[in-house]
Amino acid sequence: MIYSDWKKFWKDQNRILEIFFDFLMVEKGLSQNTIFSYKRDFKLLCIYLFDSDWFKKNVTPKRKKNLYESIDNKSVKKKLISLRQLNHNILRDFFYQLENNGFKNTSRARFHSTLKQFYDYELKQKNVVENPIEFIDKPSVKRNLPTVLNENDIDSLLYHIRKNPSKSDSAAKQKKMKKIKCLIEILYSTGLRVSELINLKIGDIDLNKRTLVVFGKGGKERNTFFTAKTKKAIKDWIDCNPDSSEFLFPSHGASGHITRDSVNKVLSEISIELELDNNQLTPHKLRHAFATHMLNKGADIRIIQQLLGHSNVSTTEIYTHILDSETVETVLKNHPLGKSLS
């Protein structure tokens, strides 16, 4: 089909994609955020199909601002193929250009996974006769082990937040201390993702049974458990708040609850107080610490998988690699023949 402007071309391709996105949301339970990332990937591919020369000169991982506004004003006069007409040669050129323009292996591997899901779906719907991405190797991605707070670090953190407030502290400061204590106790006690923490509702908490109902990725529900000290921290924090909010950590913003940024800010302030590296104390690092320390104490990996909300145990197994790495380091450091071993 001959197109004269980008908006018309993207509208037609987006019409094809919306059916696929509905399938991902309804059948696969993917979140709106994941769908948004998929749409962004397809939009870049469609820009390449619309004008590959413009793509080569303008699309880089760092250029996000005004990219789509620029393409919106562009016109071409040539026959363009749709997503359903792509062959592996065009896709191979697209992946080559991504690499040439500075997109890392991780980004290109994500593109590859996104396209594979789409064309697998299109093949089942008989909208295409083959999956063109099958002819293209997925970029290899080295999986880096996350850095983990050790148990001494966590002991120092918990000691810091559990200190009783001074009598001279204002009511506002005492309330803030209770909030910080509750937030950190939950993160380390349960291994929640930050998105799960900020959306946590008071009605999801059973203080007597010390359990939380958590709604994870794709709205999947699971139960997790917390310690007696976390129970006290939650109760003390709830007592500070009016009954008008359903969220454990309410806010006056549009969402009604605190944001990811506000949680990161809290942890950043604690990092400064404890003289930690600013990137060492994050919600995800506390999640890593929870899983690793549980494994270190002998917990079954399948139980940890359930508590973390991982759909596949292979995701959880990364924590066994962390322990393997720490074990090797300990042996080399403390073995009587350590010098010769290293």
Protein backbone atom coordinates (compact mmCIF):
# COMPACT_ATOMS: atom_id res chain seq x y z
CA MET A 1 0.00 0.00 0.00
CA ILE A 2 1.21 3.53 -0.75
CA TYR A 3 1.26 5.84 2.26
CA SER A 4 1.89 9.54 2.38
CA ASP A 5 2.30 10.09 6.12
CA TRP A 6 3.54 8.29 9.22
CA LYS A 7 0.36 8.73 11.29
CA LYS A 8 -1.74 6.81 8.77
CA PHE A 9 0.82 4.01 8.52
CA TRP A 10 1.18 3.67 12.31
CA LYS A 11 -2.61 3.74 12.78
CA ASP A 12 -3.00 0.78 10.41
CA GLN A 13 -0.22 -1.21 12.10
CA ASN A 14 -1.55 -0.36 15.55
CA ARG A 15 -4.93 -1.77 14.53
CA ILE A 16 -3.22 -5.13 13.93
CA LEU A 17 -1.33 -4.91 17.21
CA GLU A 18 -4.33 -4.06 19.39
CA ILE A 19 -5.78 -7.54 18.84
CA PHE A 20 -2.45 -9.06 19.94
CA PHE A 21 -2.24 -6.77 22.97
CA ASP A 22 -5.77 -7.74 24.03
CA PHE A 23 -4.70 -11.39 23.84
CA LEU A 24 -1.67 -10.70 26.05
CA MET A 25 -3.75 -8.91 28.66
CA VAL A 26 -6.67 -11.35 28.78
CA GLU A 27 -4.97 -14.69 28.15
CA LYS A 28 -1.46 -14.04 29.47
CA GLY A 29 -2.36 -11.60 32.24
CA LEU A 30 0.33 -9.07 31.27
CA SER A 31 0.23 -5.63 32.87
CA GLN A 32 -0.43 -2.31 31.17
CA ASN A 33 3.23 -1.35 31.73
CA THR A 34 4.42 -4.46 29.85
CA ILE A 35 1.97 -3.78 27.01
CA PHE A 36 3.26 -0.20 26.83
CA SER A 37 6.85 -1.46 26.42
CA TYR A 38 5.73 -3.87 23.68
CA LYS A 39 3.98 -1.05 21.85
CA ARG A 40 7.11 1.11 22.07
CA ASP A 41 9.19 -1.69 20.52
CA PHE A 42 6.74 -2.15 17.66
CA LYS A 43 6.63 1.58 17.09
CA LEU A 44 10.40 1.63 16.53
CA LEU A 45 10.12 -1.27 14.09
CA CYS A 46 7.34 0.53 12.22
CA ILE A 47 9.46 3.68 12.01
CA TYR A 48 12.14 1.54 10.37
CA LEU A 49 9.60 0.15 7.89
CA PHE A 50 8.28 3.64 7.18
CA ASP A 51 11.67 5.26 6.49
CA SER A 52 14.80 3.20 7.17
CA ASP A 53 17.12 6.07 6.17
CA TRP A 54 15.51 8.38 8.74
CA PHE A 55 15.71 5.58 11.32
CA LYS A 56 19.45 5.13 10.72
CA LYS A 57 20.15 8.82 11.26
CA ASN A 58 17.78 9.59 14.13
CA VAL A 59 16.95 6.54 16.28
CA THR A 60 19.36 5.74 19.12
CA PRO A 61 18.85 4.39 22.67
CA LYS A 62 19.56 7.85 24.09
CA ARG A 63 17.20 9.77 21.84
CA LYS A 64 13.73 9.60 23.31
CA LYS A 65 12.69 13.21 23.61
CA ASN A 66 10.89 14.56 20.52
CA LEU A 67 11.57 11.38 18.51
CA TYR A 68 7.93 10.65 17.75
CA GLU A 69 7.09 14.31 17.24
CA SER A 70 9.78 14.39 14.55
CA ILE A 71 8.50 11.34 12.73
CA ASP A 72 4.91 12.59 13.03
CA ASN A 73 5.77 15.41 10.66
CA LYS A 74 7.44 13.18 8.08
CA SER A 75 5.92 12.08 4.78
CA VAL A 76 6.97 9.50 2.22
CA LYS A 77 5.65 8.48 -1.16
CA LYS A 78 6.42 4.82 -1.61
CA LYS A 79 4.88 1.43 -1.19
CA LEU A 80 5.25 0.15 2.38
CA ILE A 81 4.81 -3.32 3.78
CA SER A 82 2.83 -4.04 6.93
CA LEU A 83 3.89 -6.08 9.95
CA ARG A 84 2.12 -9.08 8.43
CA GLN A 85 4.22 -8.89 5.27
CA LEU A 86 7.67 -8.86 6.88
CA ASN A 87 10.24 -11.45 5.91
CA HIS A 88 13.37 -12.50 7.77
CA ASN A 89 15.66 -10.46 5.50
CA ILE A 90 13.96 -7.21 6.50
CA LEU A 91 14.04 -8.19 10.16
CA ARG A 92 17.71 -9.14 9.91
CA ASP A 93 18.46 -5.67 8.50
CA PHE A 94 16.41 -4.11 11.31
CA PHE A 95 18.41 -5.96 13.99
CA TYR A 96 21.66 -5.05 12.27
CA GLN A 97 20.64 -1.40 12.34
CA LEU A 98 19.68 -1.58 16.01
CA GLU A 99 23.16 -2.88 16.82
CA ASN A 100 24.79 -0.30 14.55
CA ASN A 101 22.84 2.51 16.24
CA GLY A 102 24.05 1.48 19.70
CA PHE A 103 21.24 -0.69 21.08
CA LYS A 104 22.70 -3.15 23.62
CA ASN A 105 22.27 -6.92 23.50
CA THR A 106 19.69 -6.74 26.29
CA SER A 107 17.51 -4.33 24.28
CA ARG A 108 17.85 -6.34 21.07
CA ALA A 109 17.08 -9.58 22.94
CA ARG A 110 13.92 -7.94 24.26
CA PHE A 111 12.96 -6.88 20.73
CA HIS A 112 13.51 -10.46 19.60
CA SER A 113 11.26 -11.89 22.36
CA THR A 114 8.55 -9.33 21.64
CA LEU A 115 8.50 -10.14 17.93
CA LYS A 116 8.58 -13.89 18.52
CA GLN A 117 5.46 -13.70 20.68
CA PHE A 118 3.70 -11.55 18.10
CA TYR A 119 4.48 -13.77 15.12
CA ASP A 120 3.73 -16.97 17.05
CA TYR A 121 0.29 -15.48 17.72
CA GLU A 122 -0.16 -14.33 14.11
CA LEU A 123 0.85 -17.79 12.88
CA LYS A 124 -1.78 -19.47 15.06
CA GLN A 125 -4.36 -17.00 13.77
CA LYS A 126 -3.26 -17.84 10.21
CA ASN A 127 -2.49 -14.20 9.47
CA VAL A 128 1.05 -15.12 8.36
CA VAL A 129 2.48 -18.28 6.81
CA GLU A 130 5.72 -18.34 8.84
CA ASN A 131 7.37 -16.72 11.83
CA PRO A 132 10.18 -14.62 10.29
CA ILE A 133 11.96 -14.12 13.62
CA GLU A 134 12.69 -17.87 13.79
CA PHE A 135 15.40 -17.37 11.16
CA ILE A 136 17.23 -14.80 13.30
CA ASP A 137 19.39 -15.72 16.29
CA LYS A 138 18.46 -14.08 19.56
CA PRO A 139 21.28 -11.84 20.86
CA SER A 140 23.03 -13.50 23.78
CA VAL A 141 22.71 -11.74 27.11
CA LYS A 142 25.14 -12.27 29.96
CA ARG A 143 23.16 -12.60 33.15
CA ASN A 144 24.89 -10.60 35.86
CA LEU A 145 24.40 -11.73 39.43
CA PRO A 146 22.74 -9.04 41.55
CA THR A 147 24.80 -7.58 44.36
CA VAL A 148 23.26 -8.52 47.69
CA LEU A 149 23.28 -6.91 51.11
CA ASN A 150 24.87 -9.39 53.51
CA GLU A 151 23.27 -10.28 56.83
CA ASN A 152 25.52 -7.87 58.74
CA ASP A 153 24.34 -5.03 56.49
CA ILE A 154 20.73 -5.98 57.17
CA ASP A 155 21.38 -6.20 60.93
CA SER A 156 22.80 -2.66 60.85
CA LEU A 157 19.83 -1.44 58.83
CA LEU A 158 17.24 -3.01 61.13
CA TYR A 159 19.04 -1.74 64.25
CA HIS A 160 18.99 1.76 62.74
CA ILE A 161 15.27 1.85 61.93
CA ARG A 162 14.16 0.10 65.15
CA LYS A 163 15.69 2.70 67.44
CA ASN A 164 13.12 4.38 69.66
CA PRO A 165 12.43 8.03 68.82
CA SER A 166 13.78 10.69 71.15
CA LYS A 167 11.33 12.47 73.46
CA SER A 168 12.41 15.72 71.84
CA ASP A 169 11.39 14.53 68.34
CA SER A 170 8.34 16.25 66.88
CA ALA A 171 5.14 14.31 66.20
CA ALA A 172 5.80 14.64 62.45
CA LYS A 173 9.29 13.15 62.79
CA GLN A 174 8.02 10.28 64.94
CA LYS A 175 5.37 9.52 62.32
CA LYS A 176 7.99 9.55 59.55
CA MET A 177 10.18 7.15 61.55
CA LYS A 178 7.25 4.74 61.94
CA LYS A 179 6.55 4.94 58.22
CA ILE A 180 10.18 4.20 57.31
CA LYS A 181 10.33 1.33 59.80
CA CYS A 182 7.11 -0.21 58.45
CA LEU A 183 8.21 0.16 54.84
CA ILE A 184 11.64 -1.42 55.29
CA GLU A 185 10.41 -4.17 57.63
CA ILE A 186 7.85 -5.24 55.00
CA LEU A 187 10.33 -5.15 52.10
CA TYR A 188 12.89 -7.33 53.86
CA SER A 189 10.40 -9.57 55.68
CA THR A 190 8.37 -10.43 52.55
CA GLY A 191 10.54 -9.74 49.49
CA LEU A 192 7.79 -7.65 47.86
CA ARG A 193 8.43 -5.76 44.65
CA VAL A 194 8.20 -2.00 45.08
CA SER A 195 5.10 -1.91 42.84
CA GLU A 196 3.44 -4.45 45.16
CA LEU A 197 4.43 -2.48 48.25
CA ILE A 198 3.02 0.85 47.13
CA ASN A 199 -0.28 -0.75 46.07
CA LEU A 200 -0.66 -2.65 49.33
CA LYS A 201 -4.07 -2.07 50.96
CA ILE A 202 -4.89 -2.33 54.63
CA GLY A 203 -7.60 -4.85 53.75
CA ASP A 204 -4.90 -7.11 52.24
CA ILE A 205 -3.22 -7.49 55.64
CA ASP A 206 -4.14 -10.05 58.30
CA LEU A 207 -2.21 -9.04 61.42
CA ASN A 208 -3.36 -12.04 63.44
CA LYS A 209 -2.16 -14.58 60.86
CA ARG A 210 0.76 -12.32 59.82
CA THR A 211 -0.10 -12.70 56.13
CA LEU A 212 -0.42 -10.39 53.13
CA VAL A 213 -2.49 -10.89 49.99
CA VAL A 214 -0.27 -9.58 47.19
CA PHE A 215 -1.28 -8.78 43.63
CA GLY A 216 1.84 -9.23 41.52
CA LYS A 217 2.70 -9.02 37.84
CA GLY A 218 -0.31 -9.52 35.59
CA GLY A 219 -2.61 -9.23 38.62
CA LYS A 220 -1.58 -12.68 39.88
CA GLU A 221 -2.57 -13.16 43.50
CA ARG A 222 -0.36 -14.80 46.13
CA ASN A 223 0.02 -14.94 49.90
CA THR A 224 3.17 -14.02 51.73
CA PHE A 225 4.10 -13.89 55.39
CA PHE A 226 5.81 -11.48 57.74
CA THR A 227 7.60 -11.55 61.08
CA ALA A 228 6.31 -10.57 64.52
CA LYS A 229 8.43 -7.41 64.46
CA THR A 230 7.00 -6.50 61.07
CA LYS A 231 3.52 -7.02 62.51
CA LYS A 232 4.27 -4.48 65.25
CA ALA A 233 5.73 -2.01 62.74
CA ILE A 234 2.59 -2.30 60.56
CA LYS A 235 0.26 -1.86 63.55
CA ASP A 236 2.19 1.18 64.82
CA TRP A 237 2.07 2.76 61.36
CA ILE A 238 -1.66 2.07 60.83
CA ASP A 239 -2.39 3.69 64.20
CA CYS A 240 -0.76 6.90 62.86
CA ASN A 241 -3.11 7.17 59.89
CA PRO A 242 -6.77 8.14 59.53
CA ASP A 243 -9.22 5.43 58.48
CA SER A 244 -10.16 7.28 55.29
CA SER A 245 -7.47 5.66 53.06
CA GLU A 246 -7.59 2.05 51.88
CA PHE A 247 -3.84 2.04 51.18
CA LEU A 248 -1.23 1.17 53.79
CA PHE A 249 0.97 4.00 52.51
CA PRO A 250 -1.51 6.72 51.46
CA SER A 251 -0.75 9.86 49.51
CA HIS A 252 -2.62 12.91 48.29
CA GLY A 253 -1.59 12.14 44.69
CA ALA A 254 -3.93 10.91 41.97
CA SER A 255 -3.19 7.24 42.69
CA GLY A 256 -3.99 7.59 46.39
CA HIS A 257 -0.75 5.89 47.43
CA ILE A 258 2.95 6.71 47.58
CA THR A 259 5.08 6.39 44.45
CA ARG A 260 8.14 4.33 43.59
CA ASP A 261 10.21 7.52 43.66
CA SER A 262 9.13 8.32 47.22
CA VAL A 263 10.20 4.81 48.35
CA ASN A 264 13.55 5.22 46.60
CA LYS A 265 13.97 8.61 48.25
CA VAL A 266 13.37 7.11 51.70
CA LEU A 267 15.96 4.40 51.09
CA SER A 268 18.41 6.92 49.66
CA GLU A 269 18.17 8.98 52.86
CA ILE A 270 18.80 5.87 54.97
CA SER A 271 21.80 5.02 52.77
CA ILE A 272 23.31 8.40 53.56
CA GLU A 273 22.67 7.98 57.30
CA LEU A 274 24.33 4.53 57.27
CA GLU A 275 27.11 5.71 54.93
CA LEU A 276 26.19 3.05 52.36
CA ASP A 277 26.69 3.26 48.62
CA ASN A 278 23.62 5.07 47.27
CA ASN A 279 22.80 2.16 44.92
CA GLN A 280 23.27 -0.47 47.58
CA LEU A 281 19.97 0.11 49.37
CA THR A 282 17.04 -0.16 46.97
CA PRO A 283 13.70 -2.03 47.10
CA HIS A 284 15.06 -4.65 44.71
CA LYS A 285 18.25 -5.10 46.73
CA LEU A 286 16.10 -5.81 49.81
CA ARG A 287 14.13 -8.33 47.72
CA HIS A 288 17.41 -9.98 46.70
CA ALA A 289 18.56 -10.02 50.31
CA PHE A 290 15.30 -11.65 51.47
CA ALA A 291 15.61 -14.46 48.93
CA THR A 292 19.33 -15.05 49.39
CA HIS A 293 19.20 -15.07 53.19
CA MET A 294 16.20 -17.42 53.14
CA LEU A 295 18.15 -19.84 50.94
CA ASN A 296 21.17 -19.46 53.19
CA LYS A 297 19.04 -20.57 56.16
CA GLY A 298 17.92 -23.70 54.29
CA ALA A 299 14.56 -22.64 52.82
CA ASP A 300 13.32 -24.68 49.85
CA ILE A 301 13.73 -22.87 46.52
CA ARG A 302 10.15 -23.73 45.48
CA ILE A 303 8.82 -21.98 48.59
CA ILE A 304 10.93 -18.92 47.84
CA GLN A 305 9.62 -18.99 44.26
CA GLN A 306 6.05 -18.82 45.59
CA LEU A 307 6.86 -16.05 48.08
CA LEU A 308 8.56 -13.94 45.41
CA GLY A 309 5.80 -14.52 42.86
CA HIS A 310 8.10 -15.92 40.18
CA SER A 311 6.16 -17.80 37.50
CA ASN A 312 9.22 -19.92 36.67
CA VAL A 313 11.65 -21.44 39.18
CA SER A 314 14.56 -20.69 36.82
CA THR A 315 14.15 -17.02 37.76
CA THR A 316 14.52 -17.91 41.43
CA GLU A 317 17.55 -20.10 40.77
CA ILE A 318 19.71 -17.03 40.22
CA TYR A 319 19.91 -16.81 44.01
CA THR A 320 21.54 -20.23 44.19
CA HIS A 321 24.22 -18.89 41.85
CA ILE A 322 24.78 -15.98 44.24
CA LEU A 323 25.31 -18.44 47.09
CA ASP A 324 27.66 -20.52 44.93
CA SER A 325 29.66 -17.39 44.16
CA GLU A 326 29.82 -16.39 47.84
CA THR A 327 30.81 -19.93 48.83
CA VAL A 328 33.74 -19.92 46.40
CA GLU A 329 34.83 -16.50 47.65
CA THR A 330 34.66 -17.67 51.27
CA VAL A 331 36.71 -20.80 50.53
CA LEU A 332 39.39 -18.83 48.72
CA LYS A 333 39.56 -16.30 51.52
CA ASN A 334 39.55 -18.64 54.50
CA HIS A 335 40.97 -21.95 53.29
CA PRO A 336 44.39 -22.76 54.87
CA LEU A 337 45.72 -23.20 51.33
CA GLY A 338 43.83 -20.16 50.12
CA LYS A 339 46.83 -18.48 48.51
CA SER A 340 47.65 -21.50 46.38
CA LEU A 341 43.97 -22.01 45.49
CA SER A 342 43.64 -18.51 44.13
